[in-house]
Each structure stands twice: as C-alpha cells, then as structure tokens.
Amino acid sequence: MPNCFFLFSDLTLIMAGDNVDPSQFKGLSKHFNSQTIHGRANVTLATYAGIATIYILYKLRPKKKQ
C-alpha cells in the first residue's frame, strides 16, 4: 500500500502572494485582500476583532430587572 506522501510529493503548491504585485491594490483592497499573506491576515484580525466586540457588548449590556 503506497504512502500518501509519495503520491503527492511531485505536486507544486501555489500559495497566496506568489505572483502578486502588492502595488496594484488601492484603497481598502490594499489592506484587505485574498491575494497576499498580509491581506489575509488583516481579514482574519478584523473578523476576530468583530467577534470580540460583539461578545464584549453582549456581556456589558444592562441586566434585566425582575
């Protein structure tokens, strides 16, 4: 039975940012894009910040009086 490593050892992976010139982006797409590693990281950080903000606002809202 062949090992999966040997089956896929000759494949070449193309990752984000391999053939992209970052100077082609303008405006918000310069900071939030799916073509560069930094753009993907910024999207991830913005998502985490949004989730954390919603969580904090939910926890800090006034309690209902019974």
PDB file of N, CA and C in Angstrom:
ATOM      1  N   MET A   1       0.848  -1.177   0.000  1.00  0.00           N
ATOM      2  CA  MET A   1       0.000   0.000   0.000  1.00  0.00           C
ATOM      3  C   MET A   1       0.893   1.239   0.000  1.00  0.00           C
ATOM      4  N   PRO A   2       0.756   2.125  -0.999  1.00  0.00           N
ATOM      5  CA  PRO A   2       1.642   3.289  -1.094  1.00  0.00           C
ATOM      6  C   PRO A   2       1.306   4.345  -0.041  1.00  0.00           C
ATOM      7  N   ASN A   3       2.332   5.044   0.344  1.00  0.00           N
ATOM      8  CA  ASN A   3       2.186   6.124   1.305  1.00  0.00           C
ATOM      9  C   ASN A   3       1.692   7.377   0.579  1.00  0.00           C
ATOM     10  N   CYS A   4       0.811   8.159   1.199  1.00  0.00           N
ATOM     11  CA  CYS A   4       0.258   9.367   0.582  1.00  0.00           C
ATOM     12  C   CYS A   4       1.337  10.406   0.287  1.00  0.00           C
ATOM     13  N   PHE A   5       2.379  10.425   1.103  1.00  0.00           N
ATOM     14  CA  PHE A   5       3.452  11.392   0.881  1.00  0.00           C
ATOM     15  C   PHE A   5       4.086  11.182  -0.490  1.00  0.00           C
ATOM     16  N   PHE A   6       4.303   9.964  -0.874  1.00  0.00           N
ATOM     17  CA  PHE A   6       4.935   9.681  -2.161  1.00  0.00           C
ATOM     18  C   PHE A   6       4.001   9.964  -3.327  1.00  0.00           C
ATOM     19  N   LEU A   7       2.707   9.853  -3.105  1.00  0.00           N
ATOM     20  CA  LEU A   7       1.757  10.140  -4.179  1.00  0.00           C
ATOM     21  C   LEU A   7       1.724  11.628  -4.515  1.00  0.00           C
ATOM     22  N   PHE A   8       1.893  12.479  -3.495  1.00  0.00           N
ATOM     23  CA  PHE A   8       1.768  13.916  -3.691  1.00  0.00           C
ATOM     24  C   PHE A   8       3.095  14.658  -3.608  1.00  0.00           C
ATOM     25  N   SER A   9       4.201  13.955  -3.617  1.00  0.00           N
ATOM     26  CA  SER A   9       5.495  14.612  -3.437  1.00  0.00           C
ATOM     27  C   SER A   9       5.911  15.437  -4.643  1.00  0.00           C
ATOM     28  N   ASP A  10       5.365  15.167  -5.816  1.00  0.00           N
ATOM     29  CA  ASP A  10       5.786  15.901  -7.004  1.00  0.00           C
ATOM     30  C   ASP A  10       4.858  17.072  -7.333  1.00  0.00           C
ATOM     31  N   LEU A  11       3.858  17.341  -6.503  1.00  0.00           N
ATOM     32  CA  LEU A  11       2.954  18.462  -6.750  1.00  0.00           C
ATOM     33  C   LEU A  11       3.598  19.758  -6.290  1.00  0.00           C
ATOM     34  N   THR A  12       3.331  20.824  -7.017  1.00  0.00           N
ATOM     35  CA  THR A  12       3.815  22.143  -6.649  1.00  0.00           C
ATOM     36  C   THR A  12       2.631  22.959  -6.153  1.00  0.00           C
ATOM     37  N   LEU A  13       2.733  23.454  -4.935  1.00  0.00           N
ATOM     38  CA  LEU A  13       1.668  24.266  -4.372  1.00  0.00           C
ATOM     39  C   LEU A  13       1.935  25.729  -4.673  1.00  0.00           C
ATOM     40  N   ILE A  14       0.899  26.431  -5.098  1.00  0.00           N
ATOM     41  CA  ILE A  14       0.994  27.863  -5.328  1.00  0.00           C
ATOM     42  C   ILE A  14       0.234  28.532  -4.196  1.00  0.00           C
ATOM     43  N   MET A  15       0.953  29.239  -3.373  1.00  0.00           N
ATOM     44  CA  MET A  15       0.364  29.893  -2.216  1.00  0.00           C
ATOM     45  C   MET A  15       0.024  31.345  -2.548  1.00  0.00           C
ATOM     46  N   ALA A  16      -0.690  31.983  -1.649  1.00  0.00           N
ATOM     47  CA  ALA A  16      -1.060  33.377  -1.843  1.00  0.00           C
ATOM     48  C   ALA A  16       0.189  34.251  -1.852  1.00  0.00           C
ATOM     49  N   GLY A  17       0.222  35.197  -2.749  1.00  0.00           N
ATOM     50  CA  GLY A  17       1.328  36.135  -2.799  1.00  0.00           C
ATOM     51  C   GLY A  17       2.489  35.685  -3.666  1.00  0.00           C
ATOM     52  N   ASP A  18       2.359  34.569  -4.353  1.00  0.00           N
ATOM     53  CA  ASP A  18       3.461  34.100  -5.171  1.00  0.00           C
ATOM     54  C   ASP A  18       3.700  34.984  -6.392  1.00  0.00           C
ATOM     55  N   ASN A  19       2.640  35.319  -7.093  1.00  0.00           N
ATOM     56  CA  ASN A  19       2.791  36.080  -8.335  1.00  0.00           C
ATOM     57  C   ASN A  19       1.995  37.375  -8.298  1.00  0.00           C
ATOM     58  N   VAL A  20       1.930  38.020  -7.146  1.00  0.00           N
ATOM     59  CA  VAL A  20       1.120  39.223  -6.999  1.00  0.00           C
ATOM     60  C   VAL A  20       2.006  40.404  -6.660  1.00  0.00           C
ATOM     61  N   ASP A  21       1.764  41.503  -7.349  1.00  0.00           N
ATOM     62  CA  ASP A  21       2.470  42.749  -7.053  1.00  0.00           C
ATOM     63  C   ASP A  21       1.589  43.568  -6.109  1.00  0.00           C
ATOM     64  N   PRO A  22       1.990  43.752  -4.851  1.00  0.00           N
ATOM     65  CA  PRO A  22       1.142  44.464  -3.886  1.00  0.00           C
ATOM     66  C   PRO A  22       0.839  45.906  -4.267  1.00  0.00           C
ATOM     67  N   SER A  23       1.624  46.500  -5.145  1.00  0.00           N
ATOM     68  CA  SER A  23       1.378  47.884  -5.532  1.00  0.00           C
ATOM     69  C   SER A  23       0.159  48.032  -6.441  1.00  0.00           C
ATOM     70  N   GLN A  24      -0.405  46.931  -6.910  1.00  0.00           N
ATOM     71  CA  GLN A  24      -1.579  47.017  -7.777  1.00  0.00           C
ATOM     72  C   GLN A  24      -2.863  47.279  -6.996  1.00  0.00           C
ATOM     73  N   PHE A  25      -2.827  47.122  -5.673  1.00  0.00           N
ATOM     74  CA  PHE A  25      -4.009  47.323  -4.859  1.00  0.00           C
ATOM     75  C   PHE A  25      -4.101  48.773  -4.400  1.00  0.00           C
ATOM     76  N   LYS A  26      -5.325  49.305  -4.393  1.00  0.00           N
ATOM     77  CA  LYS A  26      -5.568  50.679  -3.968  1.00  0.00           C
ATOM     78  C   LYS A  26      -6.719  50.681  -2.967  1.00  0.00           C
ATOM     79  N   GLY A  27      -6.740  51.662  -2.074  1.00  0.00           N
ATOM     80  CA  GLY A  27      -7.837  51.812  -1.128  1.00  0.00           C
ATOM     81  C   GLY A  27      -7.866  50.694  -0.105  1.00  0.00           C
ATOM     82  N   LEU A  28      -9.075  50.242   0.234  1.00  0.00           N
ATOM     83  CA  LEU A  28      -9.227  49.179   1.230  1.00  0.00           C
ATOM     84  C   LEU A  28      -8.670  47.847   0.744  1.00  0.00           C
ATOM     85  N   SER A  29      -8.693  47.623  -0.552  1.00  0.00           N
ATOM     86  CA  SER A  29      -8.172  46.356  -1.063  1.00  0.00           C
ATOM     87  C   SER A  29      -6.662  46.245  -0.857  1.00  0.00           C
ATOM     88  N   LYS A  30      -6.017  47.362  -0.570  1.00  0.00           N
ATOM     89  CA  LYS A  30      -4.588  47.329  -0.256  1.00  0.00           C
ATOM     90  C   LYS A  30      -4.353  46.622   1.068  1.00  0.00           C
ATOM     91  N   HIS A  31      -5.314  46.755   2.003  1.00  0.00           N
ATOM     92  CA  HIS A  31      -5.167  46.181   3.333  1.00  0.00           C
ATOM     93  C   HIS A  31      -5.960  44.895   3.519  1.00  0.00           C
ATOM     94  N   PHE A  32      -7.087  44.764   2.805  1.00  0.00           N
ATOM     95  CA  PHE A  32      -7.956  43.603   2.948  1.00  0.00           C
ATOM     96  C   PHE A  32      -8.138  42.941   1.585  1.00  0.00           C
ATOM     97  N   ASN A  33      -7.317  41.930   1.293  1.00  0.00           N
ATOM     98  CA  ASN A  33      -7.441  41.219   0.025  1.00  0.00           C
ATOM     99  C   ASN A  33      -7.144  39.743   0.258  1.00  0.00           C
ATOM    100  N   SER A  34      -7.443  38.929  -0.720  1.00  0.00           N
ATOM    101  CA  SER A  34      -7.203  37.493  -0.587  1.00  0.00           C
ATOM    102  C   SER A  34      -5.999  37.042  -1.406  1.00  0.00           C
ATOM    103  N   GLN A  35      -5.247  37.986  -1.929  1.00  0.00           N
ATOM    104  CA  GLN A  35      -4.124  37.641  -2.792  1.00  0.00           C
ATOM    105  C   GLN A  35      -2.787  37.625  -2.067  1.00  0.00           C
ATOM    106  N   THR A  36      -2.671  38.373  -0.981  1.00  0.00           N
ATOM    107  CA  THR A  36      -1.401  38.438  -0.263  1.00  0.00           C
ATOM    108  C   THR A  36      -1.567  37.888   1.148  1.00  0.00           C
ATOM    109  N   ILE A  37      -0.480  37.462   1.732  1.00  0.00           N
ATOM    110  CA  ILE A  37      -0.499  36.936   3.089  1.00  0.00           C
ATOM    111  C   ILE A  37      -0.941  38.016   4.072  1.00  0.00           C
ATOM    112  N   HIS A  38      -0.438  39.236   3.909  1.00  0.00           N
ATOM    113  CA  HIS A  38      -0.812  40.328   4.807  1.00  0.00           C
ATOM    114  C   HIS A  38      -2.294  40.678   4.666  1.00  0.00           C
ATOM    115  N   GLY A  39      -2.809  40.629   3.458  1.00  0.00           N
ATOM    116  CA  GLY A  39      -4.237  40.896   3.254  1.00  0.00           C
ATOM    117  C   GLY A  39      -5.106  39.860   3.936  1.00  0.00           C
ATOM    118  N   ARG A  40      -4.734  38.601   3.826  1.00  0.00           N
ATOM    119  CA  ARG A  40      -5.495  37.536   4.500  1.00  0.00           C
ATOM    120  C   ARG A  40      -5.398  37.668   6.011  1.00  0.00           C
ATOM    121  N   ALA A  41      -4.218  38.028   6.511  1.00  0.00           N
ATOM    122  CA  ALA A  41      -4.050  38.207   7.958  1.00  0.00           C
ATOM    123  C   ALA A  41      -4.908  39.364   8.450  1.00  0.00           C
ATOM    124  N   ASN A  42      -4.989  40.445   7.691  1.00  0.00           N
ATOM    125  CA  ASN A  42      -5.814  41.585   8.093  1.00  0.00           C
ATOM    126  C   ASN A  42      -7.293  41.230   8.117  1.00  0.00           C
ATOM    127  N   VAL A  43      -7.751  40.438   7.157  1.00  0.00           N
ATOM    128  CA  VAL A  43      -9.144  39.994   7.150  1.00  0.00           C
ATOM    129  C   VAL A  43      -9.418  39.137   8.380  1.00  0.00           C
ATOM    130  N   THR A  44      -8.501  38.251   8.721  1.00  0.00           N
ATOM    131  CA  THR A  44      -8.662  37.397   9.890  1.00  0.00           C
ATOM    132  C   THR A  44      -8.704  38.222  11.172  1.00  0.00           C
ATOM    133  N   LEU A  45      -7.783  39.169  11.312  1.00  0.00           N
ATOM    134  CA  LEU A  45      -7.765  40.017  12.500  1.00  0.00           C
ATOM    135  C   LEU A  45      -9.031  40.860  12.619  1.00  0.00           C
ATOM    136  N   ALA A  46      -9.532  41.362  11.511  1.00  0.00           N
ATOM    137  CA  ALA A  46     -10.766  42.150  11.544  1.00  0.00           C
ATOM    138  C   ALA A  46     -11.952  41.280  11.947  1.00  0.00           C
ATOM    139  N   THR A  47     -11.975  40.039  11.493  1.00  0.00           N
ATOM    140  CA  THR A  47     -13.045  39.112  11.869  1.00  0.00           C
ATOM    141  C   THR A  47     -12.996  38.819  13.358  1.00  0.00           C
ATOM    142  N   TYR A  48     -11.809  38.511  13.872  1.00  0.00           N
ATOM    143  CA  TYR A  48     -11.661  38.244  15.308  1.00  0.00           C
ATOM    144  C   TYR A  48     -12.030  39.479  16.143  1.00  0.00           C
ATOM    145  N   ALA A  49     -11.642  40.650  15.691  1.00  0.00           N
ATOM    146  CA  ALA A  49     -11.968  41.874  16.413  1.00  0.00           C
ATOM    147  C   ALA A  49     -13.479  42.112  16.424  1.00  0.00           C
ATOM    148  N   GLY A  50     -14.148  41.832  15.330  1.00  0.00           N
ATOM    149  CA  GLY A  50     -15.600  41.982  15.269  1.00  0.00           C
ATOM    150  C   GLY A  50     -16.314  41.020  16.205  1.00  0.00           C
ATOM    151  N   ILE A  51     -15.862  39.772  16.230  1.00  0.00           N
ATOM    152  CA  ILE A  51     -16.458  38.779  17.121  1.00  0.00           C
ATOM    153  C   ILE A  51     -16.225  39.170  18.572  1.00  0.00           C
ATOM    154  N   ALA A  52     -15.019  39.618  18.904  1.00  0.00           N
ATOM    155  CA  ALA A  52     -14.710  40.034  20.276  1.00  0.00           C
ATOM    156  C   ALA A  52     -15.544  41.244  20.677  1.00  0.00           C
ATOM    157  N   THR A  53     -15.750  42.182  19.772  1.00  0.00           N
ATOM    158  CA  THR A  53     -16.555  43.369  20.066  1.00  0.00           C
ATOM    159  C   THR A  53     -18.000  42.992  20.353  1.00  0.00           C
ATOM    160  N   ILE A  54     -18.556  42.107  19.543  1.00  0.00           N
ATOM    161  CA  ILE A  54     -19.931  41.653  19.771  1.00  0.00           C
ATOM    162  C   ILE A  54     -20.044  40.937  21.111  1.00  0.00           C
ATOM    163  N   TYR A  55     -19.073  40.103  21.442  1.00  0.00           N
ATOM    164  CA  TYR A  55     -19.077  39.381  22.711  1.00  0.00           C
ATOM    165  C   TYR A  55     -19.005  40.345  23.901  1.00  0.00           C
ATOM    166  N   ILE A  56     -18.120  41.331  23.818  1.00  0.00           N
ATOM    167  CA  ILE A  56     -17.966  42.298  24.911  1.00  0.00           C
ATOM    168  C   ILE A  56     -19.232  43.134  25.070  1.00  0.00           C
ATOM    169  N   LEU A  57     -19.811  43.594  23.964  1.00  0.00           N
ATOM    170  CA  LEU A  57     -21.044  44.373  24.053  1.00  0.00           C
ATOM    171  C   LEU A  57     -22.183  43.544  24.617  1.00  0.00           C
ATOM    172  N   TYR A  58     -22.236  42.272  24.293  1.00  0.00           N
ATOM    173  CA  TYR A  58     -23.265  41.383  24.821  1.00  0.00           C
ATOM    174  C   TYR A  58     -23.106  41.216  26.329  1.00  0.00           C
ATOM    175  N   LYS A  59     -21.883  41.078  26.793  1.00  0.00           N
ATOM    176  CA  LYS A  59     -21.620  40.899  28.227  1.00  0.00           C
ATOM    177  C   LYS A  59     -21.832  42.191  29.022  1.00  0.00           C
ATOM    178  N   LEU A  60     -21.618  43.340  28.421  1.00  0.00           N
ATOM    179  CA  LEU A  60     -21.722  44.610  29.131  1.00  0.00           C
ATOM    180  C   LEU A  60     -23.119  45.232  29.063  1.00  0.00           C
ATOM    181  N   ARG A  61     -24.042  44.645  28.339  1.00  0.00           N
ATOM    182  CA  ARG A  61     -25.367  45.240  28.247  1.00  0.00           C
ATOM    183  C   ARG A  61     -26.061  45.199  29.618  1.00  0.00           C
ATOM    184  N   PRO A  62     -26.978  46.107  29.844  1.00  0.00           N
ATOM    185  CA  PRO A  62     -27.654  46.149  31.162  1.00  0.00           C
ATOM    186  C   PRO A  62     -28.450  44.877  31.422  1.00  0.00           C
ATOM    187  N   LYS A  63     -28.447  44.466  32.679  1.00  0.00           N
ATOM    188  CA  LYS A  63     -29.196  43.279  33.075  1.00  0.00           C
ATOM    189  C   LYS A  63     -30.675  43.630  33.203  1.00  0.00           C
ATOM    190  N   LYS A  64     -31.547  42.686  32.888  1.00  0.00           N
ATOM    191  CA  LYS A  64     -32.982  42.891  33.051  1.00  0.00           C
ATOM    192  C   LYS A  64     -33.342  42.747  34.528  1.00  0.00           C
ATOM    193  N   LYS A  65     -34.186  43.675  35.006  1.00  0.00           N
ATOM    194  CA  LYS A  65     -34.640  43.593  36.393  1.00  0.00           C
ATOM    195  C   LYS A  65     -35.929  42.778  36.436  1.00  0.00           C
ATOM    196  N   GLN A  66     -36.017  41.899  37.404  1.00  0.00           N
ATOM    197  CA  GLN A  66     -37.217  41.059  37.504  1.00  0.00           C
ATOM    198  C   GLN A  66     -38.140  41.543  38.570  1.00  0.00           C
TER     199      GLN A  66
END
